[in-house]
Amino acid sequence: VYCGSRSGDLPDYTTVAHHLGTELARAGFSLVYGGSEVGLMGIVANAALQNGAEVIGVIPKRFSAEIVHEALTELYLVDTMHQRKQQMIENSDGIIALPGGSGTFEELMEALTWKRLTLYRNPIVLLNTRGYFEAFQAMMVQASNERFMHSEHLRMWTTVSRPSELIPTLIQTDDWDSERLDLVVQ
């Protein structure tokens, strides 16, 4: 799960983060996330832990003293943000993005790039709370319309509105196949 180390100003964001952690646990999923106890990250992790899920955090050593979540099932301390992203993506069967700041967008864009190159083939789902990802969607459509990316690449992710839609979407989304690599150069 990619999401903010802040909670945002509106209670909808914290409510959705709590519901997501609960839904993941009830469905029997483990949570791999950024390892923080603060913001939406902490809310998702706490809800998952409270409902019996395994929660795995990956956090750079330089942040661990200030914001690390001490009650995780597993915690990996890494040297760099790049190592953090790589370990998170390599240990995931699907990616969920909640609202967040530049770090969330950066993680999401790297995951989409890996998927575009068929280095990552699993589902990527955006939880579009309060229309948060609509500008992102519009930007990506513009990139496709102006031929900076193939229109097929707009299918690399799915957008849902409610946490209850996430689990069925993760399960029903087909893997990204290697034939789509041919579209990189078109």
N, C-alpha and C. Protein backbone atom coordinates (compact mmCIF):
# COMPACT_ATOMS: atom_id res chain seq x y z
N VAL A 1 0.85 -1.18 0.00
CA VAL A 1 0.00 0.00 0.00
C VAL A 1 0.89 1.23 0.00
N TYR A 2 0.61 2.15 -0.91
CA TYR A 2 1.27 3.45 -0.95
C TYR A 2 0.25 4.47 -0.43
N CYS A 3 0.67 5.31 0.51
CA CYS A 3 -0.21 6.35 1.02
C CYS A 3 0.58 7.36 1.82
N GLY A 4 -0.09 8.41 2.24
CA GLY A 4 0.55 9.52 2.89
C GLY A 4 1.09 9.25 4.28
N SER A 5 2.19 9.93 4.59
CA SER A 5 2.70 9.93 5.96
C SER A 5 2.01 11.05 6.76
N ARG A 6 1.08 11.69 6.12
CA ARG A 6 0.16 12.62 6.78
C ARG A 6 -1.25 12.11 6.55
N SER A 7 -2.18 12.62 7.32
CA SER A 7 -3.56 12.14 7.23
C SER A 7 -4.46 13.00 6.37
N GLY A 8 -3.98 14.16 5.96
CA GLY A 8 -4.86 15.07 5.22
C GLY A 8 -5.78 15.80 6.18
N ASP A 9 -6.50 16.75 5.66
CA ASP A 9 -7.37 17.58 6.49
C ASP A 9 -8.77 17.02 6.71
N LEU A 10 -9.19 16.10 5.86
CA LEU A 10 -10.58 15.66 5.90
C LEU A 10 -10.71 14.26 6.49
N PRO A 11 -11.71 14.06 7.33
CA PRO A 11 -11.87 12.76 8.00
C PRO A 11 -12.14 11.60 7.05
N ASP A 12 -12.61 11.88 5.83
CA ASP A 12 -12.85 10.80 4.86
C ASP A 12 -11.58 9.99 4.60
N TYR A 13 -10.44 10.67 4.56
CA TYR A 13 -9.18 9.98 4.27
C TYR A 13 -8.80 8.99 5.37
N THR A 14 -8.95 9.40 6.63
CA THR A 14 -8.61 8.50 7.73
C THR A 14 -9.62 7.35 7.84
N THR A 15 -10.87 7.65 7.57
CA THR A 15 -11.90 6.60 7.60
C THR A 15 -11.62 5.54 6.55
N VAL A 16 -11.29 5.98 5.35
CA VAL A 16 -11.02 5.04 4.26
C VAL A 16 -9.76 4.23 4.56
N ALA A 17 -8.73 4.86 5.11
CA ALA A 17 -7.50 4.14 5.44
C ALA A 17 -7.78 3.05 6.48
N HIS A 18 -8.59 3.37 7.48
CA HIS A 18 -8.97 2.39 8.49
C HIS A 18 -9.75 1.25 7.86
N HIS A 19 -10.71 1.56 7.01
CA HIS A 19 -11.49 0.52 6.34
C HIS A 19 -10.61 -0.37 5.47
N LEU A 20 -9.63 0.23 4.79
CA LEU A 20 -8.74 -0.56 3.94
C LEU A 20 -7.96 -1.58 4.78
N GLY A 21 -7.34 -1.13 5.87
CA GLY A 21 -6.61 -2.06 6.72
C GLY A 21 -7.49 -3.19 7.23
N THR A 22 -8.71 -2.85 7.61
CA THR A 22 -9.67 -3.85 8.09
C THR A 22 -10.03 -4.83 6.98
N GLU A 23 -10.34 -4.32 5.78
CA GLU A 23 -10.72 -5.17 4.65
C GLU A 23 -9.59 -6.12 4.26
N LEU A 24 -8.36 -5.61 4.23
CA LEU A 24 -7.22 -6.46 3.88
C LEU A 24 -7.08 -7.61 4.88
N ALA A 25 -7.19 -7.30 6.16
CA ALA A 25 -7.07 -8.33 7.19
C ALA A 25 -8.19 -9.36 7.08
N ARG A 26 -9.40 -8.91 6.94
CA ARG A 26 -10.55 -9.82 6.86
C ARG A 26 -10.47 -10.73 5.65
N ALA A 27 -9.84 -10.25 4.57
CA ALA A 27 -9.70 -11.05 3.36
C ALA A 27 -8.49 -11.97 3.42
N GLY A 28 -7.72 -11.89 4.51
CA GLY A 28 -6.57 -12.76 4.67
C GLY A 28 -5.30 -12.29 4.00
N PHE A 29 -5.25 -11.02 3.61
CA PHE A 29 -4.05 -10.47 2.98
C PHE A 29 -3.06 -9.98 4.03
N SER A 30 -1.80 -10.04 3.69
CA SER A 30 -0.76 -9.35 4.46
C SER A 30 -0.63 -7.95 3.89
N LEU A 31 -0.14 -7.05 4.71
CA LEU A 31 0.08 -5.67 4.29
C LEU A 31 1.57 -5.41 4.23
N VAL A 32 2.04 -4.94 3.08
CA VAL A 32 3.41 -4.45 2.93
C VAL A 32 3.27 -2.96 2.69
N TYR A 33 3.96 -2.15 3.50
CA TYR A 33 3.81 -0.71 3.38
C TYR A 33 5.08 -0.03 3.88
N GLY A 34 5.08 1.28 3.95
CA GLY A 34 6.26 2.07 4.24
C GLY A 34 6.79 2.08 5.66
N GLY A 35 6.19 1.35 6.59
CA GLY A 35 6.74 1.15 7.92
C GLY A 35 6.52 2.26 8.94
N SER A 36 5.75 3.27 8.61
CA SER A 36 5.57 4.41 9.50
C SER A 36 4.36 4.22 10.42
N GLU A 37 4.44 4.88 11.58
CA GLU A 37 3.29 4.87 12.50
C GLU A 37 2.43 6.11 12.33
N VAL A 38 2.83 7.04 11.47
CA VAL A 38 2.12 8.31 11.35
C VAL A 38 1.29 8.36 10.06
N GLY A 39 0.36 9.30 10.02
CA GLY A 39 -0.45 9.55 8.83
C GLY A 39 -1.33 8.38 8.44
N LEU A 40 -1.69 8.37 7.16
CA LEU A 40 -2.53 7.28 6.64
C LEU A 40 -1.80 5.95 6.75
N MET A 41 -0.47 5.99 6.65
CA MET A 41 0.30 4.75 6.77
C MET A 41 0.03 4.09 8.13
N GLY A 42 0.12 4.85 9.19
CA GLY A 42 -0.11 4.30 10.52
C GLY A 42 -1.53 3.82 10.71
N ILE A 43 -2.48 4.53 10.14
CA ILE A 43 -3.90 4.14 10.28
C ILE A 43 -4.16 2.81 9.58
N VAL A 44 -3.66 2.65 8.35
CA VAL A 44 -3.85 1.38 7.62
C VAL A 44 -3.20 0.24 8.40
N ALA A 45 -1.96 0.46 8.85
CA ALA A 45 -1.23 -0.59 9.56
C ALA A 45 -1.94 -0.98 10.86
N ASN A 46 -2.37 0.00 11.63
CA ASN A 46 -3.05 -0.29 12.89
C ASN A 46 -4.34 -1.07 12.67
N ALA A 47 -5.11 -0.68 11.69
CA ALA A 47 -6.36 -1.38 11.42
C ALA A 47 -6.09 -2.82 10.98
N ALA A 48 -5.08 -3.01 10.15
CA ALA A 48 -4.73 -4.36 9.71
C ALA A 48 -4.26 -5.21 10.90
N LEU A 49 -3.39 -4.64 11.72
CA LEU A 49 -2.91 -5.36 12.90
C LEU A 49 -4.04 -5.71 13.86
N GLN A 50 -4.93 -4.75 14.12
CA GLN A 50 -6.05 -4.97 15.05
C GLN A 50 -6.99 -6.07 14.57
N ASN A 51 -6.97 -6.33 13.26
CA ASN A 51 -7.84 -7.35 12.69
C ASN A 51 -7.10 -8.63 12.32
N GLY A 52 -5.86 -8.77 12.82
CA GLY A 52 -5.14 -10.02 12.70
C GLY A 52 -4.26 -10.20 11.48
N ALA A 53 -4.02 -9.17 10.72
CA ALA A 53 -3.18 -9.31 9.52
C ALA A 53 -1.71 -9.26 9.87
N GLU A 54 -0.92 -9.92 9.04
CA GLU A 54 0.52 -9.76 9.09
C GLU A 54 0.83 -8.41 8.44
N VAL A 55 1.64 -7.59 9.10
CA VAL A 55 1.97 -6.26 8.58
C VAL A 55 3.48 -6.12 8.51
N ILE A 56 3.95 -5.88 7.29
CA ILE A 56 5.38 -5.80 7.02
C ILE A 56 5.72 -4.38 6.61
N GLY A 57 6.63 -3.77 7.34
CA GLY A 57 7.06 -2.41 7.04
C GLY A 57 8.45 -2.40 6.43
N VAL A 58 8.66 -1.47 5.50
CA VAL A 58 9.97 -1.27 4.89
C VAL A 58 10.27 0.22 4.99
N ILE A 59 11.32 0.57 5.72
CA ILE A 59 11.58 1.98 5.98
C ILE A 59 13.08 2.26 5.92
N PRO A 60 13.46 3.40 5.36
CA PRO A 60 14.88 3.77 5.38
C PRO A 60 15.36 4.00 6.81
N LYS A 61 16.58 3.59 7.08
CA LYS A 61 17.16 3.72 8.41
C LYS A 61 17.13 5.15 8.92
N ARG A 62 17.32 6.12 8.04
CA ARG A 62 17.39 7.51 8.49
C ARG A 62 16.07 8.01 9.09
N PHE A 63 14.94 7.35 8.76
CA PHE A 63 13.65 7.76 9.31
C PHE A 63 13.21 6.90 10.49
N SER A 64 13.87 5.79 10.69
CA SER A 64 13.35 4.80 11.62
C SER A 64 13.25 5.29 13.07
N ALA A 65 14.13 6.15 13.49
CA ALA A 65 14.09 6.60 14.89
C ALA A 65 12.88 7.49 15.17
N GLU A 66 12.42 8.24 14.18
CA GLU A 66 11.34 9.20 14.42
C GLU A 66 9.93 8.65 14.20
N ILE A 67 9.75 7.82 13.15
CA ILE A 67 8.38 7.50 12.75
C ILE A 67 8.10 6.01 12.59
N VAL A 68 9.06 5.15 12.91
CA VAL A 68 8.85 3.72 12.68
C VAL A 68 7.73 3.19 13.56
N HIS A 69 6.95 2.28 13.01
CA HIS A 69 5.88 1.61 13.74
C HIS A 69 6.51 0.44 14.49
N GLU A 70 6.42 0.47 15.80
CA GLU A 70 7.12 -0.52 16.64
C GLU A 70 6.38 -1.85 16.79
N ALA A 71 5.13 -1.93 16.37
CA ALA A 71 4.34 -3.14 16.63
C ALA A 71 4.11 -4.00 15.38
N LEU A 72 4.96 -3.87 14.38
CA LEU A 72 4.76 -4.60 13.14
C LEU A 72 5.15 -6.07 13.26
N THR A 73 4.59 -6.89 12.40
CA THR A 73 4.96 -8.30 12.35
C THR A 73 6.41 -8.44 11.92
N GLU A 74 6.79 -7.67 10.89
CA GLU A 74 8.17 -7.64 10.41
C GLU A 74 8.52 -6.21 10.03
N LEU A 75 9.77 -5.86 10.22
CA LEU A 75 10.25 -4.54 9.84
C LEU A 75 11.60 -4.69 9.15
N TYR A 76 11.71 -4.10 7.96
CA TYR A 76 12.97 -4.11 7.23
C TYR A 76 13.50 -2.69 7.20
N LEU A 77 14.72 -2.52 7.67
CA LEU A 77 15.41 -1.24 7.60
C LEU A 77 16.33 -1.29 6.39
N VAL A 78 16.18 -0.33 5.49
CA VAL A 78 16.98 -0.28 4.27
C VAL A 78 17.77 1.02 4.23
N ASP A 79 18.74 1.08 3.35
CA ASP A 79 19.59 2.26 3.26
C ASP A 79 18.97 3.41 2.48
N THR A 80 18.22 3.10 1.42
CA THR A 80 17.74 4.16 0.52
C THR A 80 16.25 4.01 0.22
N MET A 81 15.68 5.09 -0.27
CA MET A 81 14.28 5.04 -0.72
C MET A 81 14.13 4.08 -1.90
N HIS A 82 15.14 4.04 -2.77
CA HIS A 82 15.07 3.12 -3.90
C HIS A 82 14.98 1.67 -3.41
N GLN A 83 15.79 1.32 -2.42
CA GLN A 83 15.73 -0.04 -1.86
C GLN A 83 14.37 -0.31 -1.23
N ARG A 84 13.82 0.71 -0.60
CA ARG A 84 12.50 0.57 0.01
C ARG A 84 11.45 0.23 -1.05
N LYS A 85 11.44 1.02 -2.12
CA LYS A 85 10.45 0.79 -3.18
C LYS A 85 10.63 -0.58 -3.82
N GLN A 86 11.88 -0.94 -4.07
CA GLN A 86 12.15 -2.22 -4.70
C GLN A 86 11.70 -3.37 -3.82
N GLN A 87 12.02 -3.33 -2.54
CA GLN A 87 11.62 -4.40 -1.64
C GLN A 87 10.10 -4.47 -1.51
N MET A 88 9.45 -3.33 -1.45
CA MET A 88 7.98 -3.32 -1.34
C MET A 88 7.35 -3.96 -2.58
N ILE A 89 7.79 -3.55 -3.76
CA ILE A 89 7.16 -4.04 -4.98
C ILE A 89 7.47 -5.51 -5.22
N GLU A 90 8.69 -5.94 -4.90
CA GLU A 90 9.06 -7.33 -5.10
C GLU A 90 8.33 -8.27 -4.15
N ASN A 91 7.81 -7.75 -3.06
CA ASN A 91 7.11 -8.58 -2.08
C ASN A 91 5.60 -8.38 -2.12
N SER A 92 5.10 -7.85 -3.22
CA SER A 92 3.66 -7.60 -3.28
C SER A 92 3.00 -8.41 -4.40
N ASP A 93 1.76 -8.78 -4.14
CA ASP A 93 0.93 -9.44 -5.14
C ASP A 93 -0.05 -8.46 -5.76
N GLY A 94 -0.02 -7.24 -5.30
CA GLY A 94 -0.87 -6.17 -5.81
C GLY A 94 -0.51 -4.89 -5.11
N ILE A 95 -0.78 -3.78 -5.76
CA ILE A 95 -0.48 -2.47 -5.19
C ILE A 95 -1.78 -1.69 -5.06
N ILE A 96 -1.93 -1.03 -3.92
CA ILE A 96 -3.05 -0.13 -3.68
C ILE A 96 -2.47 1.23 -3.35
N ALA A 97 -2.97 2.26 -4.00
CA ALA A 97 -2.56 3.62 -3.69
C ALA A 97 -3.73 4.38 -3.10
N LEU A 98 -3.50 4.95 -1.93
CA LEU A 98 -4.43 5.87 -1.28
C LEU A 98 -3.91 7.29 -1.51
N PRO A 99 -4.67 8.30 -1.15
CA PRO A 99 -4.15 9.66 -1.25
C PRO A 99 -2.84 9.82 -0.48
N GLY A 100 -2.01 10.69 -1.00
CA GLY A 100 -0.73 10.99 -0.38
C GLY A 100 -0.05 12.11 -1.12
N GLY A 101 1.17 12.38 -0.76
CA GLY A 101 1.92 13.47 -1.37
C GLY A 101 2.88 12.99 -2.43
N SER A 102 3.98 13.72 -2.57
CA SER A 102 4.93 13.43 -3.64
C SER A 102 5.51 12.03 -3.53
N GLY A 103 5.75 11.53 -2.33
CA GLY A 103 6.28 10.18 -2.17
C GLY A 103 5.32 9.13 -2.69
N THR A 104 4.05 9.30 -2.40
CA THR A 104 3.03 8.36 -2.89
C THR A 104 2.98 8.37 -4.40
N PHE A 105 3.00 9.56 -4.99
CA PHE A 105 2.96 9.64 -6.45
C PHE A 105 4.22 9.06 -7.07
N GLU A 106 5.36 9.30 -6.43
CA GLU A 106 6.62 8.78 -6.96
C GLU A 106 6.63 7.25 -6.92
N GLU A 107 6.15 6.67 -5.83
CA GLU A 107 6.06 5.21 -5.73
C GLU A 107 5.10 4.66 -6.77
N LEU A 108 3.96 5.30 -6.94
CA LEU A 108 2.98 4.86 -7.92
C LEU A 108 3.54 4.92 -9.33
N MET A 109 4.22 6.00 -9.66
CA MET A 109 4.77 6.14 -11.01
C MET A 109 5.85 5.09 -11.27
N GLU A 110 6.67 4.81 -10.28
CA GLU A 110 7.68 3.76 -10.49
C GLU A 110 7.02 2.41 -10.69
N ALA A 111 6.00 2.10 -9.92
CA ALA A 111 5.29 0.83 -10.10
C ALA A 111 4.66 0.75 -11.48
N LEU A 112 4.07 1.84 -11.95
CA LEU A 112 3.48 1.85 -13.29
C LEU A 112 4.55 1.69 -14.37
N THR A 113 5.71 2.27 -14.16
CA THR A 113 6.80 2.11 -15.11
C THR A 113 7.27 0.66 -15.14
N TRP A 114 7.41 0.05 -13.98
CA TRP A 114 7.78 -1.37 -13.93
C TRP A 114 6.73 -2.20 -14.66
N LYS A 115 5.47 -1.86 -14.46
CA LYS A 115 4.41 -2.63 -15.11
C LYS A 115 4.44 -2.42 -16.61
N ARG A 116 4.66 -1.21 -17.03
CA ARG A 116 4.73 -0.92 -18.47
C ARG A 116 5.82 -1.75 -19.12
N LEU A 117 6.93 -1.96 -18.42
CA LEU A 117 8.05 -2.73 -18.95
C LEU A 117 7.93 -4.23 -18.64
N THR A 118 6.80 -4.64 -18.10
CA THR A 118 6.47 -6.01 -17.70
C THR A 118 7.42 -6.56 -16.63
N LEU A 119 8.03 -5.68 -15.86
CA LEU A 119 8.84 -6.11 -14.72
C LEU A 119 7.96 -6.40 -13.51
N TYR A 120 6.76 -5.85 -13.52
CA TYR A 120 5.75 -6.08 -12.50
C TYR A 120 4.46 -6.34 -13.24
N ARG A 121 3.77 -7.42 -12.90
CA ARG A 121 2.60 -7.82 -13.69
C ARG A 121 1.31 -7.85 -12.89
N ASN A 122 1.39 -7.52 -11.62
CA ASN A 122 0.24 -7.66 -10.74
C ASN A 122 -0.65 -6.41 -10.78
N PRO A 123 -1.83 -6.51 -10.17
CA PRO A 123 -2.77 -5.38 -10.19
C PRO A 123 -2.25 -4.15 -9.45
N ILE A 124 -2.64 -3.00 -9.96
CA ILE A 124 -2.42 -1.71 -9.30
C ILE A 124 -3.79 -1.04 -9.22
N VAL A 125 -4.21 -0.71 -8.01
CA VAL A 125 -5.55 -0.15 -7.81
C VAL A 125 -5.43 1.17 -7.04
N LEU A 126 -6.08 2.18 -7.55
CA LEU A 126 -6.12 3.50 -6.91
C LEU A 126 -7.44 3.65 -6.18
N LEU A 127 -7.38 3.98 -4.91
CA LEU A 127 -8.59 4.23 -4.13
C LEU A 127 -8.87 5.72 -4.20
N ASN A 128 -9.83 6.07 -5.02
CA ASN A 128 -10.09 7.45 -5.42
C ASN A 128 -11.00 8.20 -4.45
N THR A 129 -10.60 8.26 -3.20
CA THR A 129 -11.37 8.93 -2.16
C THR A 129 -11.54 10.41 -2.50
N ARG A 130 -12.77 10.87 -2.48
CA ARG A 130 -13.08 12.28 -2.74
C ARG A 130 -12.54 12.76 -4.09
N GLY A 131 -12.40 11.84 -5.07
CA GLY A 131 -11.90 12.21 -6.39
C GLY A 131 -10.42 12.55 -6.43
N TYR A 132 -9.67 12.08 -5.43
CA TYR A 132 -8.27 12.47 -5.27
C TYR A 132 -7.42 12.18 -6.51
N PHE A 133 -7.67 11.09 -7.19
CA PHE A 133 -6.83 10.70 -8.32
C PHE A 133 -7.38 11.14 -9.68
N GLU A 134 -8.40 11.97 -9.71
CA GLU A 134 -8.97 12.41 -10.99
C GLU A 134 -7.98 13.23 -11.81
N ALA A 135 -7.21 14.10 -11.19
CA ALA A 135 -6.22 14.89 -11.93
C ALA A 135 -5.12 13.98 -12.48
N PHE A 136 -4.73 12.97 -11.70
CA PHE A 136 -3.75 11.99 -12.18
C PHE A 136 -4.29 11.27 -13.40
N GLN A 137 -5.54 10.82 -13.31
CA GLN A 137 -6.17 10.14 -14.45
C GLN A 137 -6.16 11.03 -15.69
N ALA A 138 -6.53 12.28 -15.51
CA ALA A 138 -6.58 13.22 -16.64
C ALA A 138 -5.18 13.41 -17.25
N MET A 139 -4.18 13.51 -16.40
CA MET A 139 -2.81 13.67 -16.90
C MET A 139 -2.39 12.47 -17.73
N MET A 140 -2.71 11.28 -17.26
CA MET A 140 -2.32 10.07 -17.99
C MET A 140 -3.10 9.94 -19.30
N VAL A 141 -4.36 10.32 -19.31
CA VAL A 141 -5.13 10.31 -20.56
C VAL A 141 -4.53 11.30 -21.54
N GLN A 142 -4.15 12.47 -21.06
CA GLN A 142 -3.52 13.45 -21.94
C GLN A 142 -2.22 12.89 -22.53
N ALA A 143 -1.42 12.21 -21.71
CA ALA A 143 -0.18 11.60 -22.20
C ALA A 143 -0.46 10.60 -23.30
N SER A 144 -1.54 9.84 -23.15
CA SER A 144 -1.92 8.88 -24.18
C SER A 144 -2.46 9.60 -25.42
N ASN A 145 -3.35 10.56 -25.22
CA ASN A 145 -3.92 11.29 -26.36
C ASN A 145 -2.86 11.99 -27.19
N GLU A 146 -1.82 12.44 -26.54
CA GLU A 146 -0.76 13.16 -27.25
C GLU A 146 0.41 12.23 -27.61
N ARG A 147 0.14 10.93 -27.51
CA ARG A 147 1.04 9.86 -27.97
C ARG A 147 2.39 9.81 -27.25
N PHE A 148 2.38 10.12 -25.95
CA PHE A 148 3.56 9.90 -25.14
C PHE A 148 3.52 8.52 -24.49
N MET A 149 2.37 7.89 -24.55
CA MET A 149 2.23 6.51 -24.12
C MET A 149 1.09 5.87 -24.90
N HIS A 150 1.13 4.58 -25.05
CA HIS A 150 0.11 3.85 -25.80
C HIS A 150 -1.19 3.82 -25.00
N SER A 151 -2.31 3.88 -25.68
CA SER A 151 -3.60 3.87 -24.98
C SER A 151 -3.80 2.60 -24.15
N GLU A 152 -3.19 1.50 -24.55
CA GLU A 152 -3.29 0.26 -23.78
C GLU A 152 -2.73 0.44 -22.37
N HIS A 153 -1.76 1.36 -22.22
CA HIS A 153 -1.15 1.56 -20.91
C HIS A 153 -2.09 2.23 -19.91
N LEU A 154 -3.18 2.77 -20.39
CA LEU A 154 -4.19 3.32 -19.48
C LEU A 154 -4.91 2.20 -18.72
N ARG A 155 -4.67 0.96 -19.13
CA ARG A 155 -5.27 -0.19 -18.46
C ARG A 155 -4.34 -0.81 -17.42
N MET A 156 -3.22 -0.15 -17.13
CA MET A 156 -2.26 -0.71 -16.16
C MET A 156 -2.78 -0.60 -14.73
N TRP A 157 -3.75 0.23 -14.50
CA TRP A 157 -4.30 0.40 -13.16
C TRP A 157 -5.82 0.47 -13.26
N THR A 158 -6.43 0.25 -12.11
CA THR A 158 -7.88 0.34 -11.99
C THR A 158 -8.16 1.35 -10.88
N THR A 159 -9.21 2.11 -11.04
CA THR A 159 -9.60 3.08 -10.02
C THR A 159 -10.92 2.65 -9.41
N VAL A 160 -10.99 2.65 -8.08
CA VAL A 160 -12.23 2.33 -7.37
C VAL A 160 -12.54 3.46 -6.39
N SER A 161 -13.78 3.52 -5.94
CA SER A 161 -14.22 4.60 -5.06
C SER A 161 -14.30 4.22 -3.59
N ARG A 162 -14.47 2.92 -3.31
CA ARG A 162 -14.68 2.49 -1.93
C ARG A 162 -13.75 1.33 -1.56
N PRO A 163 -13.33 1.25 -0.31
CA PRO A 163 -12.47 0.13 0.12
C PRO A 163 -13.10 -1.24 -0.16
N SER A 164 -14.42 -1.33 -0.08
CA SER A 164 -15.07 -2.62 -0.32
C SER A 164 -14.88 -3.12 -1.76
N GLU A 165 -14.52 -2.23 -2.68
CA GLU A 165 -14.28 -2.63 -4.07
C GLU A 165 -12.85 -3.11 -4.31
N LEU A 166 -11.96 -2.84 -3.37
CA LEU A 166 -10.55 -3.15 -3.59
C LEU A 166 -10.25 -4.63 -3.71
N ILE A 167 -10.70 -5.43 -2.76
CA ILE A 167 -10.37 -6.85 -2.76
C ILE A 167 -10.90 -7.54 -4.01
N PRO A 168 -12.18 -7.36 -4.36
CA PRO A 168 -12.64 -8.00 -5.60
C PRO A 168 -11.86 -7.51 -6.83
N THR A 169 -11.49 -6.25 -6.86
CA THR A 169 -10.73 -5.73 -8.00
C THR A 169 -9.35 -6.36 -8.05
N LEU A 170 -8.67 -6.48 -6.92
CA LEU A 170 -7.36 -7.12 -6.89
C LEU A 170 -7.44 -8.56 -7.39
N ILE A 171 -8.46 -9.28 -6.96
CA ILE A 171 -8.61 -10.68 -7.32
C ILE A 171 -8.98 -10.86 -8.79
N GLN A 172 -9.82 -9.98 -9.31
CA GLN A 172 -10.34 -10.14 -10.67
C GLN A 172 -9.45 -9.55 -11.76
N THR A 173 -8.46 -8.76 -11.40
CA THR A 173 -7.62 -8.12 -12.40
C THR A 173 -6.62 -9.13 -12.96
N ASP A 174 -6.58 -9.23 -14.28
CA ASP A 174 -5.64 -10.12 -14.94
C ASP A 174 -4.22 -9.60 -14.83
N ASP A 175 -3.26 -10.52 -14.80
CA ASP A 175 -1.86 -10.13 -14.81
C ASP A 175 -1.52 -9.45 -16.13
N TRP A 176 -0.59 -8.54 -16.08
CA TRP A 176 -0.08 -7.82 -17.24
C TRP A 176 0.86 -8.77 -17.97
N ASP A 177 0.59 -9.07 -19.23
CA ASP A 177 1.39 -10.09 -19.90
C ASP A 177 2.56 -9.51 -20.69
N SER A 178 3.51 -10.38 -20.99
CA SER A 178 4.75 -9.95 -21.65
C SER A 178 4.52 -9.43 -23.06
N GLU A 179 3.41 -9.80 -23.70
CA GLU A 179 3.13 -9.30 -25.05
C GLU A 179 2.96 -7.78 -25.04
N ARG A 180 2.61 -7.21 -23.93
CA ARG A 180 2.40 -5.77 -23.85
C ARG A 180 3.71 -5.00 -23.87
N LEU A 181 4.84 -5.68 -23.68
CA LEU A 181 6.14 -5.01 -23.78
C LEU A 181 6.34 -4.42 -25.17
N ASP A 182 5.78 -5.08 -26.19
CA ASP A 182 5.89 -4.58 -27.56
C ASP A 182 5.32 -3.18 -27.70
N LEU A 183 4.39 -2.81 -26.85
CA LEU A 183 3.76 -1.49 -26.94
C LEU A 183 4.65 -0.37 -26.45
N VAL A 184 5.74 -0.69 -25.78
CA VAL A 184 6.65 0.32 -25.25
C VAL A 184 7.21 1.19 -26.36
N VAL A 185 7.52 0.62 -27.48
CA VAL A 185 8.18 1.35 -28.55
C VAL A 185 7.21 1.90 -29.59
N GLN A 186 5.95 1.65 -29.43
CA GLN A 186 4.98 2.12 -30.42
C GLN A 186 4.51 3.52 -30.11
